[in-house]
Amino acid sequence: MTDFAYTQAIMEALEALYGEAHWSPRFDPMEELVSCILSQHTSDVNSLRAFANLQRRYPTWQAVVQAPTEELADTIRSGGLADTKAARIQNVLRQIHQSQGEYSLHNLNDLADSEARKYLMSLPGVGPKTAAIVLCFAMGRPVIPVDTHIFRVAWRLGLIEKRIGEAKAHDALQAQVAPESVFRFHVALITHGRRICKALNPRCSECPVKEVCFTYRESDAVR
């Protein structure tokens, strides 16, 4: 058995229920980055609406930068925290243009995963989850994003310790997943967290991996 056998088995058991995910880019890296900033602390529906509004109003990234911040905030209001996100988006775009000479993340193609993450996390307001989303979802890199659902499922399964927190969970979890399976594993866990392994009242009776779930076995032992 390989070092990845356990996570591979979990992923395949979940995929038997949810289906296997296949990677294809939703946005280019710049679009994914801005979309991800808009998604912070709100729902996918609201953030995607805000991103669509931004794209309709501003034909270029330069136009976004040159827009009055209050106007940009009004445009993305549906995404929540609009004043903060508008300023953050403009600051990120300015820094990218300053370092690259254009509004582009083509430079990431020439960087190893660790260096690409480091560059993205040097941008204002970009943390490990946002950096991982850009690399995984826009570029197909084997970098696992850890959101609240994945973090919850991972610690319940005993893959990581809850006390390490989401920020450190990226590296701890990624070390246990085969690089070629990172995207599939991410999608399987996030789907499971949304549908069955919920924060409140998880539906353990329907869980296909409950027999290997550390939290389920522990709770079963005290019943």
Foldseek 3Di string as FASTA:
>chain_A
DDLQVVLVVQLVLLCVVVNFDDADAPDALLLLLLLVLLQPPADNVQSVQLSVLVVVVAVDLVSLLPDDLVVNLVSSVSSPPSSVSSVLSNQQQVVCCVVPVHSDPPVLVVDDLVVQQVVQCVRPPDANQSSQCSCCRNPVWLFAHDDPQLLQQCVQLVQDPNVVDRRVVRVSNSVNHDSNCRVSSNVSRSVCQVPAVDPPPGNLVPDSCLVSGPNNVVVVVVD
